[in-house]
Protein backbone atom coordinates (compact mmCIF):
# COMPACT_ATOMS: atom_id res chain seq x y z
CA MET A 1 96.26 68.73 39.61
CA ASN A 2 93.04 68.42 41.87
CA PHE A 3 94.65 67.67 45.48
CA LEU A 4 91.04 67.55 47.41
CA GLU A 5 90.59 64.23 44.84
CA ILE A 6 93.48 62.73 46.08
CA LEU A 7 92.83 63.45 49.53
CA GLY A 8 89.61 61.87 49.42
CA GLN A 9 91.64 58.98 47.83
CA VAL A 10 94.32 58.90 50.60
CA LYS A 11 91.39 59.14 53.11
CA THR A 12 89.80 55.52 51.97
CA HIS A 13 93.24 54.12 51.17
CA VAL A 14 93.92 54.44 55.26
CA GLU A 15 91.07 53.28 56.47
CA ALA A 16 90.92 50.19 54.12
CA LEU A 17 94.60 49.44 55.80
CA PHE A 18 93.50 49.81 59.22
CA LYS A 19 90.31 47.84 58.55
CA ALA A 20 92.49 44.98 57.22
CA ASP A 21 95.00 45.11 60.06
CA HIS A 22 93.15 42.80 62.83
CA GLN A 23 95.72 43.79 65.64
CA LYS A 24 94.02 44.29 68.50
CA LYS A 25 96.72 45.77 70.58
CA LEU A 26 96.44 49.42 68.78
CA VAL A 27 94.03 50.87 71.08
CA TYR A 28 95.03 54.24 70.73
CA HIS A 29 96.95 54.68 67.84
CA ASN A 30 94.20 53.40 65.36
CA VAL A 31 91.81 54.94 62.51
CA VAL A 32 89.88 56.93 65.13
CA HIS A 33 93.15 58.46 66.45
CA THR A 34 94.08 59.36 62.65
CA GLU A 35 90.44 60.46 62.10
CA HIS A 36 91.17 62.92 64.85
CA VAL A 37 94.33 64.35 63.73
CA ALA A 38 93.09 64.65 60.00
CA LYS A 39 90.32 66.54 61.14
CA HIS A 40 92.40 69.06 63.57
CA ALA A 41 94.49 69.64 60.89
CA VAL A 42 91.50 70.84 58.46
CA GLU A 43 90.77 72.65 61.40
CA LEU A 44 94.00 74.60 61.66
CA ALA A 45 94.57 74.65 58.05
CA ASN A 46 91.70 76.75 57.64
CA PHE A 47 92.23 78.99 60.59
CA TYR A 48 95.79 79.87 58.90
CA ARG A 49 94.13 80.24 55.41
CA LEU A 50 96.12 77.73 53.38
CA ASN A 51 96.03 77.15 49.89
CA ASP A 52 95.14 73.78 48.53
CA ARG A 53 98.23 72.39 48.24
CA ASP A 54 99.76 73.06 51.77
CA LEU A 55 96.36 71.79 53.10
CA PHE A 56 96.89 68.57 51.00
CA ILE A 57 100.43 68.08 52.33
CA VAL A 58 99.24 68.46 55.99
CA VAL A 59 96.15 66.46 55.64
CA ALA A 60 97.95 63.81 53.78
CA ALA A 61 100.45 63.65 56.44
CA SER A 62 97.87 63.40 59.24
CA TRP A 63 96.27 60.38 57.57
CA PHE A 64 99.81 58.33 56.60
CA HIS A 65 101.42 59.39 60.09
CA ASP A 66 100.69 56.52 62.14
CA ILE A 67 100.21 53.61 59.65
CA GLY A 68 103.51 52.25 60.45
CA TYR A 69 102.16 51.25 63.82
CA MET A 70 100.11 48.43 62.41
CA GLU A 71 104.03 46.81 61.55
CA LYS A 72 105.75 47.65 64.90
CA TRP A 73 106.15 51.13 66.97
CA GLU A 74 110.11 51.71 66.41
CA GLN A 75 110.81 54.01 63.59
CA HIS A 76 106.77 54.12 62.72
CA GLU A 77 106.99 57.66 61.55
CA LEU A 78 109.91 56.53 59.06
CA ARG A 79 107.75 53.49 57.67
CA GLY A 80 104.60 56.18 57.42
CA ALA A 81 106.68 58.61 55.20
CA ASP A 82 107.86 55.94 53.30
CA ALA A 83 104.01 54.34 52.71
CA ALA A 84 102.76 57.87 51.79
CA ALA A 85 105.69 58.52 49.26
CA ILE A 86 104.65 55.48 47.42
CA TYR A 87 101.27 55.85 47.42
CA LEU A 88 101.41 59.67 46.60
CA THR A 89 104.20 59.16 43.87
CA ASP A 90 101.58 56.28 42.60
CA LYS A 91 99.20 58.78 42.41
CA GLY A 92 101.16 61.31 40.22
CA VAL A 93 101.78 63.74 43.15
CA ASP A 94 104.75 65.95 42.14
CA ALA A 95 108.41 65.16 43.93
CA ASP A 96 108.35 68.19 46.27
CA THR A 97 104.82 67.76 47.48
CA VAL A 98 105.56 64.11 48.45
CA GLN A 99 109.21 65.35 50.13
CA GLU A 100 107.15 67.93 52.06
CA VAL A 101 104.64 65.17 53.52
CA LYS A 102 107.01 62.95 54.36
CA ASP A 103 108.64 66.08 56.29
CA CYS A 104 105.45 66.81 57.98
CA ILE A 105 105.09 62.91 59.30
CA MET A 106 108.76 63.10 60.53
CA ALA A 107 107.99 66.07 62.16
CA THR A 108 105.73 64.01 64.42
CA MET A 109 108.88 62.48 65.96
CA MET A 110 109.02 62.74 69.68
CA PRO A 111 110.36 64.85 70.80
CA GLN A 112 108.72 67.42 68.29
CA ASN A 113 110.94 69.64 66.35
CA PRO A 114 108.77 71.33 63.60
CA LYS A 115 110.73 73.48 61.04
CA ASN A 116 108.28 75.60 59.50
CA LEU A 117 103.92 76.24 59.74
CA LEU A 118 103.23 73.13 57.98
CA GLN A 119 104.78 70.97 60.47
CA GLN A 120 103.66 72.67 63.31
CA ILE A 121 100.52 71.74 62.41
CA ILE A 122 100.66 68.33 61.99
CA CYS A 123 102.55 68.08 65.54
CA ASP A 124 100.15 70.00 66.96
CA SER A 125 97.11 68.46 65.57
CA ASP A 126 98.67 65.03 66.54
CA LEU A 127 98.67 65.83 70.31
CA TYR A 128 95.51 68.23 70.16
CA HIS A 129 93.85 65.94 72.90
CA LEU A 130 96.65 67.17 75.80
CA GLY A 131 94.40 69.97 75.87
CA SER A 132 90.98 68.96 74.81
CA ASP A 133 88.28 67.25 76.77
CA ASP A 134 89.08 64.02 75.80
CA PHE A 135 92.21 64.02 77.47
CA LYS A 136 91.30 61.37 79.79
CA ASP A 137 89.85 58.94 77.80
CA ARG A 138 92.63 58.98 75.36
CA ASN A 139 95.22 58.85 78.21
CA LYS A 140 93.54 55.77 79.18
CA MET A 141 93.81 54.01 76.07
CA MET A 142 97.19 55.35 75.57
CA ARG A 143 98.08 53.29 78.55
CA GLN A 144 96.18 50.38 77.18
CA GLU A 145 98.01 50.24 74.15
CA THR A 146 101.59 50.28 75.85
CA GLU A 147 100.19 47.60 78.43
CA ASN A 148 99.76 45.60 75.19
CA LEU A 149 102.68 46.30 73.52
CA LEU A 150 104.77 45.46 76.31
CA GLY A 151 102.54 42.16 77.64
CA LYS A 152 102.47 43.68 81.15
CA SER A 153 100.65 46.09 83.26
CA ILE A 154 101.58 49.66 84.32
CA ASP A 155 100.96 50.99 87.79
CA LYS A 156 98.24 53.88 87.31
CA SER A 157 100.13 56.26 89.16
CA VAL A 158 103.83 55.50 87.26
CA TRP A 159 101.75 55.87 84.19
CA ARG A 160 100.30 59.24 85.35
CA MET A 161 103.64 60.57 86.67
CA GLY A 162 105.15 59.76 83.58
CA THR A 163 102.34 61.74 81.97
CA ILE A 164 102.77 64.88 83.79
CA LYS A 165 106.56 64.80 82.98
CA LEU A 166 105.38 64.56 79.27
CA MET A 167 102.66 67.07 79.65
CA GLU A 168 105.41 69.91 81.10
CA SER A 169 108.19 69.27 78.48
CA HIS A 170 105.36 69.45 75.62
CA HIS A 171 104.58 72.78 74.25
CA TYR A 172 102.18 73.97 71.35
CA HIS A 173 103.69 75.45 68.32
CA THR A 174 101.18 77.02 66.53
CA GLN A 175 99.66 80.02 68.41
CA TYR A 176 95.82 79.12 67.30
CA CYS A 177 96.46 76.09 69.61
CA GLN A 178 98.20 77.86 72.11
CA ASP A 179 95.28 80.38 72.73
CA LYS A 180 92.91 77.46 72.16
CA LEU A 181 94.14 74.88 74.26
CA ASN A 182 97.12 75.60 76.73
CA ALA A 183 94.30 76.72 79.48
CA LYS A 184 92.61 73.31 79.46
CA LYS A 185 96.14 71.96 78.99
CA GLN A 186 97.11 73.15 82.49
CA ILE A 187 93.25 71.85 83.86
CA ASN A 188 94.29 68.45 82.92
CA LEU A 189 97.87 68.63 84.07
CA ASP A 190 96.61 70.11 87.66
CA ASP A 191 94.41 67.34 87.90
CA LEU A 192 96.91 64.65 87.07
CA LYS A 193 99.10 66.39 90.23
CA SER A 194 96.10 66.31 92.19
CA LYS A 195 95.42 62.55 91.68
CA VAL A 196 99.19 61.49 92.51
CA LYS A 197 99.08 63.86 95.41
CA LYS A 198 96.21 62.14 96.86
CA GLU A 199 97.46 58.46 95.99
CA LEU A 200 101.60 59.25 97.56
CA SER A 201 100.37 58.78 101.13
CA GLY A 202 100.99 56.01 103.42
CA LYS A 203 101.82 52.73 101.81
CA GLU A 204 101.38 54.00 98.54
CA ILE A 205 104.21 56.11 99.49
CA GLU A 206 106.37 53.53 100.34
CA ARG A 207 105.49 51.31 97.52
CA LEU A 208 106.43 53.50 95.11
CA GLN A 209 109.58 55.02 96.60
CA GLY A 210 111.43 52.16 94.95
CA VAL A 211 109.77 53.02 91.08
CA GLU A 212 111.97 54.22 89.03
CA ARG A 213 111.16 54.00 85.44
CA ILE A 214 108.12 52.40 83.10
CA GLU A 215 110.08 49.88 81.97
CA GLY A 216 110.08 48.94 78.65
CA THR A 217 108.90 52.26 76.85
CA ASP A 218 112.14 53.66 75.59
CA ASN A 219 111.20 52.77 72.16
CA ILE A 220 107.40 53.26 71.98
CA PRO A 221 106.90 56.73 70.36
CA ASP A 222 104.17 59.21 72.22
CA THR A 223 104.19 57.80 75.86
CA PRO A 224 105.77 58.93 78.95
CA ARG A 225 108.90 57.17 78.33
CA VAL A 226 111.02 59.05 81.37
CA GLU A 227 112.90 57.72 84.19
CA TYR A 228 112.36 59.46 87.33
CA THR A 229 113.26 59.00 91.26
CA ILE A 230 110.67 59.09 93.73
CA SER A 231 112.00 61.70 97.25
CA VAL A 232 109.25 61.35 99.69
CA GLN A 233 109.42 64.23 102.25
CA ALA A 234 107.96 64.46 105.71
CA THR A 235 104.50 64.85 104.80
CA PRO A 236 102.21 63.93 101.56
CA ASP A 237 101.13 67.50 101.46
CA ASN A 238 104.41 68.18 100.30
CA MET A 239 103.94 66.55 97.12
CA LEU A 240 103.61 67.94 93.52
CA ASN A 241 103.79 71.59 95.44
CA ASN A 242 105.24 74.60 93.15
CA SER A 243 109.03 74.42 94.06
CA GLY A 244 108.84 70.65 92.91
CA ALA A 245 109.71 68.91 96.06
CA GLY A 246 108.28 66.08 96.68
CA ILE A 247 108.25 64.15 93.31
CA ALA A 248 111.60 64.76 91.55
CA ILE A 249 111.30 63.60 87.64
CA ALA A 250 114.30 63.49 85.26
CA ASP A 251 115.17 62.84 81.71
CA ASN A 252 116.77 59.41 80.97
CA GLY A 253 120.11 60.96 81.19
CA ALA A 254 119.80 62.53 84.81
CA LYS A 255 118.99 59.15 86.49
CA GLY A 256 119.38 59.93 90.44
CA LYS A 257 118.97 63.48 90.62
CA LYS A 258 117.00 65.22 92.14
CA GLY A 259 114.03 67.12 89.28
CA LYS A 260 114.36 70.21 91.57
CA LYS A 261 112.36 73.39 89.69
CA ASN A 262 114.45 75.74 88.61
CA LYS A 263 112.70 78.69 90.46
CA ASP A 264 113.79 81.42 87.69
CA ARG A 265 111.80 79.38 85.36
CA PRO A 266 108.62 81.00 84.60
CA ASP A 267 105.63 78.99 86.01
CA LYS A 268 103.32 77.71 83.20
CA GLY A 269 100.15 78.52 84.70
CA ILE A 270 101.18 81.89 84.53
CA GLU A 271 102.64 82.10 81.56
CA THR A 272 98.95 80.90 80.28
CA MET A 273 97.17 83.32 82.12
CA PHE A 274 99.17 86.04 80.36
CA ARG A 275 98.98 84.53 76.98
CA ILE A 276 95.21 84.42 77.42
CA SER A 277 94.64 87.84 78.82
CA SER A 278 97.08 89.58 76.36
CA GLY A 279 94.89 87.83 73.72
CA ASN A 280 91.81 88.55 75.39
CA HIS A 281 92.70 91.97 75.12
CA GLN A 282 93.79 92.18 71.54
CA ARG A 283 90.37 90.58 70.65
CA LEU A 284 88.40 93.53 72.30
CA SER A 285 90.57 95.98 70.64
CA ASP A 286 89.76 94.23 67.75
CA MET A 287 85.95 94.47 68.21
CA ALA A 288 86.22 98.19 69.54
CA ASP A 289 87.98 99.17 65.75
CA ASN A 290 85.19 97.42 64.20
CA LYS A 291 82.40 99.11 66.11
CA ALA A 292 84.47 102.51 65.18
CA HIS A 293 84.47 101.48 61.49
CA ILE A 294 81.06 100.81 61.57
CA MET A 295 79.74 104.18 63.14
CA ILE A 296 82.40 105.95 60.50
CA SER A 297 81.04 104.06 57.92
CA THR A 298 77.27 104.78 58.54
CA ASN A 299 77.64 108.45 59.45
CA SER A 300 79.99 108.63 56.34
CA ILE A 301 76.88 107.78 54.35
CA ILE A 302 74.26 109.98 56.05
CA LEU A 303 76.76 113.11 55.62
CA SER A 304 76.81 112.31 51.87
CA VAL A 305 73.22 112.37 51.61
CA ILE A 306 72.93 115.24 53.57
CA LEU A 307 75.39 117.56 51.67
CA SER A 308 74.39 115.88 48.05
CA ILE A 309 70.48 115.75 48.50
CA LEU A 310 68.62 117.51 51.43
CA LEU A 311 70.70 120.67 51.24
CA ARG A 312 69.93 121.62 47.93
CA LYS A 313 65.78 121.33 48.75
CA LEU A 314 66.39 123.40 51.78
CA GLU A 315 66.04 126.54 49.94
CA ASP A 316 62.12 125.53 49.08
CA ASN A 317 61.79 123.54 52.50
CA PRO A 318 63.00 126.43 55.01
CA HIS A 319 61.42 124.26 57.73
CA LEU A 320 63.73 121.64 57.20
CA ILE A 321 66.88 123.92 57.96
CA ALA A 322 66.74 123.12 62.12
CA PRO A 323 66.42 119.15 61.67
CA THR A 324 68.78 118.85 59.02
CA LEU A 325 71.57 121.08 60.99
CA LEU A 326 70.72 119.06 64.02
CA LEU A 327 71.28 115.42 62.28
CA LEU A 328 74.48 117.31 60.75
CA ILE A 329 76.03 117.92 64.21
CA ILE A 330 74.93 114.51 65.36
CA CYS A 331 76.85 112.55 62.63
CA VAL A 332 79.59 114.91 62.69
CA VAL A 333 79.91 114.55 66.53
CA THR A 334 79.79 110.86 66.38
CA MET A 335 82.18 110.56 63.64
CA VAL A 336 84.74 112.61 65.80
CA PHE A 337 84.30 110.26 68.89
CA SER A 338 84.54 107.26 66.82
CA ILE A 339 87.84 108.66 65.42
CA LEU A 340 89.23 109.27 68.57
CA ALA A 341 88.96 105.98 69.84
CA THR A 342 90.86 104.57 66.83
CA ARG A 343 93.54 107.60 66.80
CA PRO A 344 96.85 106.01 67.66
CA SER A 345 98.87 107.79 69.91
CA VAL A 346 102.52 107.77 69.25
CA PRO A 347 105.25 107.53 72.45
CA PRO A 348 108.71 108.60 72.25
CA GLY A 349 110.21 105.17 71.48
CA THR A 350 113.43 105.26 73.50
CA PHE A 351 114.52 104.16 77.07
CA THR A 352 117.06 105.16 79.01
CA PRO A 353 120.35 102.69 80.75
CA GLU A 354 118.45 104.04 84.12
CA GLU A 355 115.36 102.57 83.30
CA ILE A 356 116.58 99.09 82.31
CA ALA A 357 118.13 99.32 85.77
CA ASN A 358 115.10 100.25 87.71
CA LYS A 359 112.94 97.77 85.75
CA SER A 360 110.48 100.85 84.99
CA THR A 361 110.40 100.77 81.06
CA ASN A 362 108.30 97.77 79.24
CA LEU A 363 110.51 96.39 76.62
CA LEU A 364 107.53 94.10 74.96
CA PHE A 365 105.91 97.31 74.01
CA PHE A 366 106.92 98.75 70.38
CA GLY A 367 106.40 102.28 71.78
CA ASN A 368 108.97 102.12 74.08
CA PHE A 369 112.06 101.10 72.01
CA TYR A 370 111.04 101.47 68.17
CA ARG A 371 113.76 104.61 68.06
CA MET A 372 116.34 102.60 69.90
CA GLY A 373 119.40 100.90 67.94
CA LEU A 374 119.49 96.95 68.19
CA PRO A 375 122.20 96.69 70.41
CA GLU A 376 120.51 98.85 73.03
CA TYR A 377 117.54 96.94 72.57
CA ASP A 378 118.99 93.56 72.53
CA ALA A 379 120.92 94.09 75.60
CA GLY A 380 117.76 95.43 77.29
CA ILE A 381 115.80 92.35 76.37
CA HIS A 382 118.48 90.09 77.47
CA LYS A 383 118.80 91.54 81.12
CA MET A 384 114.59 91.07 81.15
CA MET A 385 114.52 87.71 79.98
CA GLU A 386 117.77 86.68 82.91
CA ASP A 387 115.61 88.89 85.43
CA ARG A 388 111.95 87.03 86.70
CA GLU A 389 110.89 90.21 88.33
CA PHE A 390 111.79 92.15 85.38
CA LEU A 391 110.15 89.86 82.81
CA TYR A 392 106.88 89.36 85.08
CA GLY A 393 106.88 93.50 85.80
CA SER A 394 106.85 94.00 82.02
CA LEU A 395 104.10 91.33 81.53
CA ILE A 396 102.07 93.24 84.13
CA LYS A 397 102.56 96.49 82.28
CA ASP A 398 101.84 95.37 79.41
CA VAL A 399 98.65 93.39 80.30
CA TYR A 400 97.79 96.77 82.09
CA SER A 401 98.55 99.12 79.39
CA GLN A 402 96.56 97.13 77.17
CA GLY A 403 93.22 97.61 79.53
CA VAL A 404 94.21 101.37 79.82
CA VAL A 405 94.00 101.64 76.24
CA LEU A 406 90.71 99.54 75.78
CA GLY A 407 89.26 101.54 78.58
CA ARG A 408 89.78 105.09 76.83
CA LYS A 409 88.65 103.22 73.47
CA TYR A 410 85.29 102.15 74.87
CA ARG A 411 84.45 104.78 76.85
CA LEU A 412 84.75 107.14 73.48
CA LEU A 413 82.69 104.51 71.48
CA ARG A 414 80.11 104.62 74.61
CA ILE A 415 79.89 108.48 74.09
CA ALA A 416 79.92 108.10 70.31
CA TYR A 417 77.01 105.42 70.11
CA ASN A 418 74.77 107.10 72.95
CA VAL A 419 75.28 110.68 70.54
CA PHE A 420 74.22 108.62 67.96
CA MET A 421 71.51 106.77 69.17
CA PHE A 422 70.03 109.60 70.78
CA GLY A 423 70.50 112.17 68.30
CA ILE A 424 68.76 109.90 65.51
CA VAL A 425 65.64 109.80 67.31
CA ALA A 426 65.64 113.90 68.15
CA SER A 427 66.52 113.99 64.40
CA VAL A 428 63.44 111.92 63.51
CA LEU A 429 61.26 113.51 65.85
CA ALA A 430 62.65 117.21 64.77
CA PHE A 431 61.85 116.21 60.97
CA ILE A 432 58.09 114.86 62.10
CA ILE A 433 57.28 118.02 63.82
CA ALA A 434 58.49 120.24 61.25
CA MET A 435 56.85 118.54 58.61
CA ALA A 436 53.89 118.94 60.75
CA PHE A 437 54.04 122.28 61.19
CA SER A 438 54.45 123.39 57.78
CA MET A 439 51.05 121.69 56.66
C-alpha cells in the first residue's frame, strides 16, 4: 500500500473540508492549526525514524483530529475519529491501521493520556505551541475562538490565570519535545505569571476577588477550563511567588480550597534545568566519542600504510628510517590518548544502607547499583523519591559526575589532537629534510 500517496489525498480532503466550512468562529482550530500539527508530527516522526505505516498513522491522525470542530466542540475527537475511519476505509486502508489512527485522535482528548509512542507524538504535536515562539499569538487566537463559541467576552486576566493552570498541569510526553520545548514553555509560563502579577494590584485585585471560574468552558476542549479561587495577601508583591501564595488555582472538584503548592514537589524550572544540563552533557559526550573515533580511525589508516608499504622500502632508503619512526610513534601516542578518552571505567556497582541513610550515593547512575538486587534498589529509589533533598542531591551528583567525566575526556582528546597536529607537521618536515640530504 502506498501510504504516502494516500496521505496526499488526506491532506487535500481535509483542506477542502475546512475551505467549505464558512464558520468564522474557528479562529484557532482551523486549517492553519491542523497544518501546524501535521508539520510537527512529521518532525517528530523523522526524529524517531518511523516506518511508512507509523508515519502515515500519526500524520493522518493530525489532519483529522480537529475536523469535528466544524460541527460543534463537544466530543469533536470522536467525530474526527469516525470521519477518518470512513474516509480511510474507503481508500482501502486496512482495519488495524484505521483503528490506530482513531486511537491517536482520541489520545488528544484532554487530559491527554497517550498509550504508545505514536499517540505521544500526536499529543505533543497538538500542543507544540505551548513551548514555541508562537505561543502568545496562538493563545490570543484560542481566547478569541472561545469568546466566539460562548458569545461573550472573557477577562484577559481571568484567561491568563486559566492558561497558567493548563500549562502547569501539562507535560510533553516525548523526550524530543521535552528537550526542545520545555525551556521555552517555562519562559512563556513565567511571562504569563509576570503579567498577572502586574495586573493584580489596587482596584484590579478587588475586581478579581470575586471571580471563580471561566464560565461555559467546561465542554470546550483545549481551553483553560478550570475553577479557581483568588486569595489576596497583604501586598500585591506576594502574588505568584514560588510558594504559590497570592493566587490559588484548584481543579473543578476542589472549588473553595486553597491551591497551595506542595513544597515537596520538584519545581518545574529546576527540573527543566537538570534535564537540559544532562542532555547537553550527553551530547557533548557523544561529540567527544566521535572525535576520538575520528582520531583512532585516521591513525589506524596511517599505521596500516606505514607497516604495509613504507617499512618494506627502508632497506633501500635508510635515510627515511628516522622520519618513519617519528610518524609511527606519533600515531601510536595519538591512538593511546584517544582510546583512553573513550575507555570506560567500571565502578563497584554496590551501595550500602548507610549510604542511603546518609544520602551519599547517587542511585541515578548505573555504576552505583548494577550489582545490587532489585528489592534493595527499589527500596533505595523510593526513599530518594520521597526525600526532596535526597532527590535533588542525586541530580546534582549526576550532573557533576557527568561534568567530571567530560572534563577527563576532553583533556585526553586535546592531548591526542595536539600530538597529532604538531606530530604530523614534524613528520612532514622530517621527511622533507631526509629527502633533501639524500640527494
